[in-house]
Amino acid sequence: MRQVRARELDLEAFQAYGTYGRMIDPKGERIGSPPAEFFRDMVQVDLGSSASASMSVCRVERRPLVIESLEYHDVCGEGVLPLDGDVLIHVAPATPPGEIPLERIEVFRVPRGTLVSIKPGVWHHAPFALDEEAVNVLVVLPERTYALDCEVHQIPKKDQIEIKV
């Protein structure tokens, strides 16, 4: 089984797939001062032509660190925010239809409270809980994207990828 090493989230390394911001203990531009500070426009999620965002939770329990499936959304990006534990996410560049870039998969550690914005077309799937038995992950998508714009591919057993931490 091929292996890929998880790496720390880094803006330069992640820029091909999207962007991110620490939503807990934020830094940067703000309006106001304590006791009420507003940290503005920290992360944008491309929701395509949708006029509304839908907030969902993906609860991921500890499981073997093996990448068994991938998905992408053609017309929108996706926001991913681990709420109560660190997670690993796997991503690969957008490709033409029918092409699955298994050899280009990268894995990033996303700290609790960090909002990741994944670009439209970027391959990804459910995160992996890292240190906790289960992690609740806030997912931001246009309503019903899971039914209307979600191409899922199961990876054949012989091509699955083990994550090394």
C-alpha atoms as a PDB file:
ATOM      1  CA  MET A   1       0.000   0.000   0.000  1.00  0.00           C
ATOM      2  CA  ARG A   2       1.358   3.414  -0.951  1.00  0.00           C
ATOM      3  CA  GLN A   3       1.911   5.798   1.948  1.00  0.00           C
ATOM      4  CA  VAL A   4       1.695   9.559   2.220  1.00  0.00           C
ATOM      5  CA  ARG A   5       2.981  11.564   5.186  1.00  0.00           C
ATOM      6  CA  ALA A   6       0.672  14.095   6.831  1.00  0.00           C
ATOM      7  CA  ARG A   7       2.104  17.587   7.042  1.00  0.00           C
ATOM      8  CA  GLU A   8       1.312  20.669   9.041  1.00  0.00           C
ATOM      9  CA  LEU A   9      -1.128  23.116   7.468  1.00  0.00           C
ATOM     10  CA  ASP A  10       0.828  25.886   5.755  1.00  0.00           C
ATOM     11  CA  LEU A  11      -0.577  28.651   3.504  1.00  0.00           C
ATOM     12  CA  GLU A  12       2.037  28.175   0.784  1.00  0.00           C
ATOM     13  CA  ALA A  13       1.706  24.369   0.702  1.00  0.00           C
ATOM     14  CA  PHE A  14      -2.116  24.503   0.792  1.00  0.00           C
ATOM     15  CA  GLN A  15      -2.711  27.361  -1.676  1.00  0.00           C
ATOM     16  CA  ALA A  16      -3.317  25.012  -4.638  1.00  0.00           C
ATOM     17  CA  TYR A  17      -6.320  23.559  -2.756  1.00  0.00           C
ATOM     18  CA  GLY A  18      -7.708  26.607  -0.942  1.00  0.00           C
ATOM     19  CA  THR A  19      -7.010  28.707   2.113  1.00  0.00           C
ATOM     20  CA  TYR A  20      -7.643  28.664   5.869  1.00  0.00           C
ATOM     21  CA  GLY A  21      -7.845  30.794   9.009  1.00  0.00           C
ATOM     22  CA  ARG A  22      -7.628  30.153  12.754  1.00  0.00           C
ATOM     23  CA  MET A  23     -11.095  30.915  14.079  1.00  0.00           C
ATOM     24  CA  ILE A  24     -10.040  30.359  17.718  1.00  0.00           C
ATOM     25  CA  ASP A  25      -7.586  32.972  19.029  1.00  0.00           C
ATOM     26  CA  PRO A  26      -7.692  34.922  15.733  1.00  0.00           C
ATOM     27  CA  LYS A  27      -5.038  37.402  14.640  1.00  0.00           C
ATOM     28  CA  GLY A  28      -5.092  40.149  12.040  1.00  0.00           C
ATOM     29  CA  GLU A  29      -7.442  42.901  10.919  1.00  0.00           C
ATOM     30  CA  ARG A  30     -10.221  43.682  13.344  1.00  0.00           C
ATOM     31  CA  ILE A  31     -12.851  46.215  14.175  1.00  0.00           C
ATOM     32  CA  GLY A  32     -13.245  47.256  17.805  1.00  0.00           C
ATOM     33  CA  SER A  33     -11.249  46.372  20.880  1.00  0.00           C
ATOM     34  CA  PRO A  34     -11.812  44.200  23.959  1.00  0.00           C
ATOM     35  CA  PRO A  35     -14.323  43.319  25.263  1.00  0.00           C
ATOM     36  CA  ALA A  36     -15.808  43.037  21.723  1.00  0.00           C
ATOM     37  CA  GLU A  37     -13.511  42.584  18.721  1.00  0.00           C
ATOM     38  CA  PHE A  38     -14.724  41.653  15.231  1.00  0.00           C
ATOM     39  CA  PHE A  39     -12.122  39.848  13.103  1.00  0.00           C
ATOM     40  CA  ARG A  40     -13.453  40.492   9.637  1.00  0.00           C
ATOM     41  CA  ASP A  41     -13.371  38.540   6.374  1.00  0.00           C
ATOM     42  CA  MET A  42     -10.976  35.872   7.644  1.00  0.00           C
ATOM     43  CA  VAL A  43     -11.817  33.094   5.151  1.00  0.00           C
ATOM     44  CA  GLN A  44     -13.990  33.068   2.037  1.00  0.00           C
ATOM     45  CA  VAL A  45     -15.702  29.907   0.756  1.00  0.00           C
ATOM     46  CA  ASP A  46     -16.649  29.945  -2.939  1.00  0.00           C
ATOM     47  CA  LEU A  47     -20.290  28.825  -2.899  1.00  0.00           C
ATOM     48  CA  GLY A  48     -20.755  29.299  -6.639  1.00  0.00           C
ATOM     49  CA  SER A  49     -24.017  30.971  -7.597  1.00  0.00           C
ATOM     50  CA  SER A  50     -25.791  29.865  -4.406  1.00  0.00           C
ATOM     51  CA  ALA A  51     -27.422  32.651  -2.430  1.00  0.00           C
ATOM     52  CA  SER A  52     -27.250  30.765   0.850  1.00  0.00           C
ATOM     53  CA  ALA A  53     -24.844  28.664   2.840  1.00  0.00           C
ATOM     54  CA  SER A  54     -25.902  25.506   4.624  1.00  0.00           C
ATOM     55  CA  MET A  55     -24.147  24.484   7.843  1.00  0.00           C
ATOM     56  CA  SER A  56     -23.840  20.745   8.471  1.00  0.00           C
ATOM     57  CA  VAL A  57     -21.837  18.583  10.863  1.00  0.00           C
ATOM     58  CA  CYS A  58     -19.763  15.593   9.849  1.00  0.00           C
ATOM     59  CA  ARG A  59     -18.974  13.542  12.947  1.00  0.00           C
ATOM     60  CA  VAL A  60     -15.807  11.530  12.264  1.00  0.00           C
ATOM     61  CA  GLU A  61     -14.817   8.728  14.614  1.00  0.00           C
ATOM     62  CA  ARG A  62     -11.306   7.323  14.877  1.00  0.00           C
ATOM     63  CA  ARG A  63     -10.684   4.839  12.080  1.00  0.00           C
ATOM     64  CA  PRO A  64      -7.663   3.416  10.294  1.00  0.00           C
ATOM     65  CA  LEU A  65      -5.684   6.130   8.526  1.00  0.00           C
ATOM     66  CA  VAL A  66      -6.354   4.753   5.069  1.00  0.00           C
ATOM     67  CA  ILE A  67      -7.711   6.854   2.191  1.00  0.00           C
ATOM     68  CA  GLU A  68     -10.502   4.755   0.695  1.00  0.00           C
ATOM     69  CA  SER A  69     -12.571   7.389  -1.130  1.00  0.00           C
ATOM     70  CA  LEU A  70     -12.494  10.817  -2.759  1.00  0.00           C
ATOM     71  CA  GLU A  71     -15.098  13.359  -3.831  1.00  0.00           C
ATOM     72  CA  TYR A  72     -15.278  16.765  -5.458  1.00  0.00           C
ATOM     73  CA  HIS A  73     -17.839  19.474  -6.168  1.00  0.00           C
ATOM     74  CA  ASP A  74     -17.847  21.040  -9.644  1.00  0.00           C
ATOM     75  CA  VAL A  75     -19.583  24.328  -8.979  1.00  0.00           C
ATOM     76  CA  CYS A  76     -18.726  25.211  -5.390  1.00  0.00           C
ATOM     77  CA  GLY A  77     -16.035  25.034  -2.771  1.00  0.00           C
ATOM     78  CA  GLU A  78     -16.447  23.645   0.741  1.00  0.00           C
ATOM     79  CA  GLY A  79     -15.694  24.998   4.209  1.00  0.00           C
ATOM     80  CA  VAL A  80     -14.387  22.527   6.819  1.00  0.00           C
ATOM     81  CA  LEU A  81     -14.027  23.516  10.510  1.00  0.00           C
ATOM     82  CA  PRO A  82     -13.036  20.898  13.105  1.00  0.00           C
ATOM     83  CA  LEU A  83     -14.817  22.003  16.285  1.00  0.00           C
ATOM     84  CA  ASP A  84     -13.512  19.824  19.102  1.00  0.00           C
ATOM     85  CA  GLY A  85     -10.329  18.101  17.943  1.00  0.00           C
ATOM     86  CA  ASP A  86      -7.596  18.075  15.314  1.00  0.00           C
ATOM     87  CA  VAL A  87      -8.221  16.258  12.032  1.00  0.00           C
ATOM     88  CA  LEU A  88      -6.326  15.127   8.968  1.00  0.00           C
ATOM     89  CA  ILE A  89      -7.703  16.098   5.575  1.00  0.00           C
ATOM     90  CA  HIS A  90      -6.614  14.679   2.243  1.00  0.00           C
ATOM     91  CA  VAL A  91      -6.752  16.728  -0.943  1.00  0.00           C
ATOM     92  CA  ALA A  92      -5.669  16.439  -4.566  1.00  0.00           C
ATOM     93  CA  PRO A  93      -5.806  18.935  -7.441  1.00  0.00           C
ATOM     94  CA  ALA A  94      -8.887  19.315  -9.615  1.00  0.00           C
ATOM     95  CA  THR A  95      -8.743  17.141 -12.732  1.00  0.00           C
ATOM     96  CA  PRO A  96     -10.710  16.582 -15.941  1.00  0.00           C
ATOM     97  CA  PRO A  97     -13.732  14.255 -15.604  1.00  0.00           C
ATOM     98  CA  GLY A  98     -12.761  10.609 -15.195  1.00  0.00           C
ATOM     99  CA  GLU A  99      -9.206  11.366 -14.089  1.00  0.00           C
ATOM    100  CA  ILE A 100      -8.450  10.571 -10.435  1.00  0.00           C
ATOM    101  CA  PRO A 101      -5.053  11.904  -9.266  1.00  0.00           C
ATOM    102  CA  LEU A 102      -4.198   9.277  -6.626  1.00  0.00           C
ATOM    103  CA  GLU A 103      -0.461   9.947  -6.988  1.00  0.00           C
ATOM    104  CA  ARG A 104      -0.974  13.648  -6.166  1.00  0.00           C
ATOM    105  CA  ILE A 105      -2.892  13.254  -2.883  1.00  0.00           C
ATOM    106  CA  GLU A 106      -1.529  15.311  -0.005  1.00  0.00           C
ATOM    107  CA  VAL A 107      -2.563  15.154   3.655  1.00  0.00           C
ATOM    108  CA  PHE A 108      -2.678  18.090   6.084  1.00  0.00           C
ATOM    109  CA  ARG A 109      -3.194  18.288   9.832  1.00  0.00           C
ATOM    110  CA  VAL A 110      -5.948  20.814  10.573  1.00  0.00           C
ATOM    111  CA  PRO A 111      -5.951  22.072  14.180  1.00  0.00           C
ATOM    112  CA  ARG A 112      -9.224  22.386  16.080  1.00  0.00           C
ATOM    113  CA  GLY A 113     -10.849  25.731  15.355  1.00  0.00           C
ATOM    114  CA  THR A 114      -9.184  26.225  11.955  1.00  0.00           C
ATOM    115  CA  LEU A 115     -11.557  26.881   9.048  1.00  0.00           C
ATOM    116  CA  VAL A 116     -10.294  25.401   5.781  1.00  0.00           C
ATOM    117  CA  SER A 117     -11.791  26.602   2.491  1.00  0.00           C
ATOM    118  CA  ILE A 118     -11.438  23.978  -0.256  1.00  0.00           C
ATOM    119  CA  LYS A 119     -11.624  25.283  -3.834  1.00  0.00           C
ATOM    120  CA  PRO A 120     -14.210  23.978  -6.325  1.00  0.00           C
ATOM    121  CA  GLY A 121     -13.044  20.813  -8.107  1.00  0.00           C
ATOM    122  CA  VAL A 122     -10.425  19.864  -5.487  1.00  0.00           C
ATOM    123  CA  TRP A 123     -10.595  16.185  -4.517  1.00  0.00           C
ATOM    124  CA  HIS A 124     -11.189  15.504  -0.792  1.00  0.00           C
ATOM    125  CA  HIS A 125     -13.412  13.426   1.500  1.00  0.00           C
ATOM    126  CA  ALA A 126     -14.367  13.106   5.166  1.00  0.00           C
ATOM    127  CA  PRO A 127     -11.552  14.075   7.538  1.00  0.00           C
ATOM    128  CA  PHE A 128      -9.855  11.657   9.926  1.00  0.00           C
ATOM    129  CA  ALA A 129     -10.077  12.214  13.706  1.00  0.00           C
ATOM    130  CA  LEU A 130      -6.528  12.410  14.998  1.00  0.00           C
ATOM    131  CA  ASP A 131      -6.267  12.472  18.786  1.00  0.00           C
ATOM    132  CA  GLU A 132      -9.909  12.254  19.879  1.00  0.00           C
ATOM    133  CA  GLU A 133     -12.241   9.256  19.611  1.00  0.00           C
ATOM    134  CA  ALA A 134     -14.619  11.444  17.593  1.00  0.00           C
ATOM    135  CA  VAL A 135     -14.500  14.973  16.191  1.00  0.00           C
ATOM    136  CA  ASN A 136     -17.451  17.112  15.102  1.00  0.00           C
ATOM    137  CA  VAL A 137     -16.606  18.981  11.910  1.00  0.00           C
ATOM    138  CA  LEU A 138     -18.698  21.912  10.695  1.00  0.00           C
ATOM    139  CA  VAL A 139     -19.172  21.687   6.903  1.00  0.00           C
ATOM    140  CA  VAL A 140     -20.224  24.761   4.888  1.00  0.00           C
ATOM    141  CA  LEU A 141     -21.790  24.099   1.461  1.00  0.00           C
ATOM    142  CA  PRO A 142     -24.707  25.356  -0.580  1.00  0.00           C
ATOM    143  CA  GLU A 143     -27.882  23.566   0.473  1.00  0.00           C
ATOM    144  CA  ARG A 144     -28.172  19.971  -0.874  1.00  0.00           C
ATOM    145  CA  THR A 145     -24.731  19.961  -2.505  1.00  0.00           C
ATOM    146  CA  TYR A 146     -24.316  16.372  -1.291  1.00  0.00           C
ATOM    147  CA  ALA A 147     -27.214  15.434  -3.619  1.00  0.00           C
ATOM    148  CA  LEU A 148     -26.737  17.892  -6.502  1.00  0.00           C
ATOM    149  CA  ASP A 149     -22.982  18.450  -6.965  1.00  0.00           C
ATOM    150  CA  CYS A 150     -20.970  15.670  -5.353  1.00  0.00           C
ATOM    151  CA  GLU A 151     -18.958  13.179  -7.387  1.00  0.00           C
ATOM    152  CA  VAL A 152     -17.762  10.353  -5.088  1.00  0.00           C
ATOM    153  CA  HIS A 153     -15.235   7.668  -6.066  1.00  0.00           C
ATOM    154  CA  GLN A 154     -14.314   4.606  -4.023  1.00  0.00           C
ATOM    155  CA  ILE A 155     -10.625   3.754  -4.376  1.00  0.00           C
ATOM    156  CA  PRO A 156      -9.950   0.089  -5.212  1.00  0.00           C
ATOM    157  CA  LYS A 157      -8.320  -1.742  -2.265  1.00  0.00           C
ATOM    158  CA  LYS A 158      -5.039  -2.209  -4.182  1.00  0.00           C
ATOM    159  CA  ASP A 159      -4.769   1.594  -4.731  1.00  0.00           C
ATOM    160  CA  GLN A 160      -5.779   2.803  -1.255  1.00  0.00           C
ATOM    161  CA  ILE A 161      -3.280   5.043   0.535  1.00  0.00           C
ATOM    162  CA  GLU A 162      -2.070   4.827   4.131  1.00  0.00           C
ATOM    163  CA  ILE A 163      -1.515   8.093   5.988  1.00  0.00           C
ATOM    164  CA  LYS A 164       1.644   8.338   8.088  1.00  0.00           C
ATOM    165  CA  VAL A 165       1.649  10.831  10.978  1.00  0.00           C
END
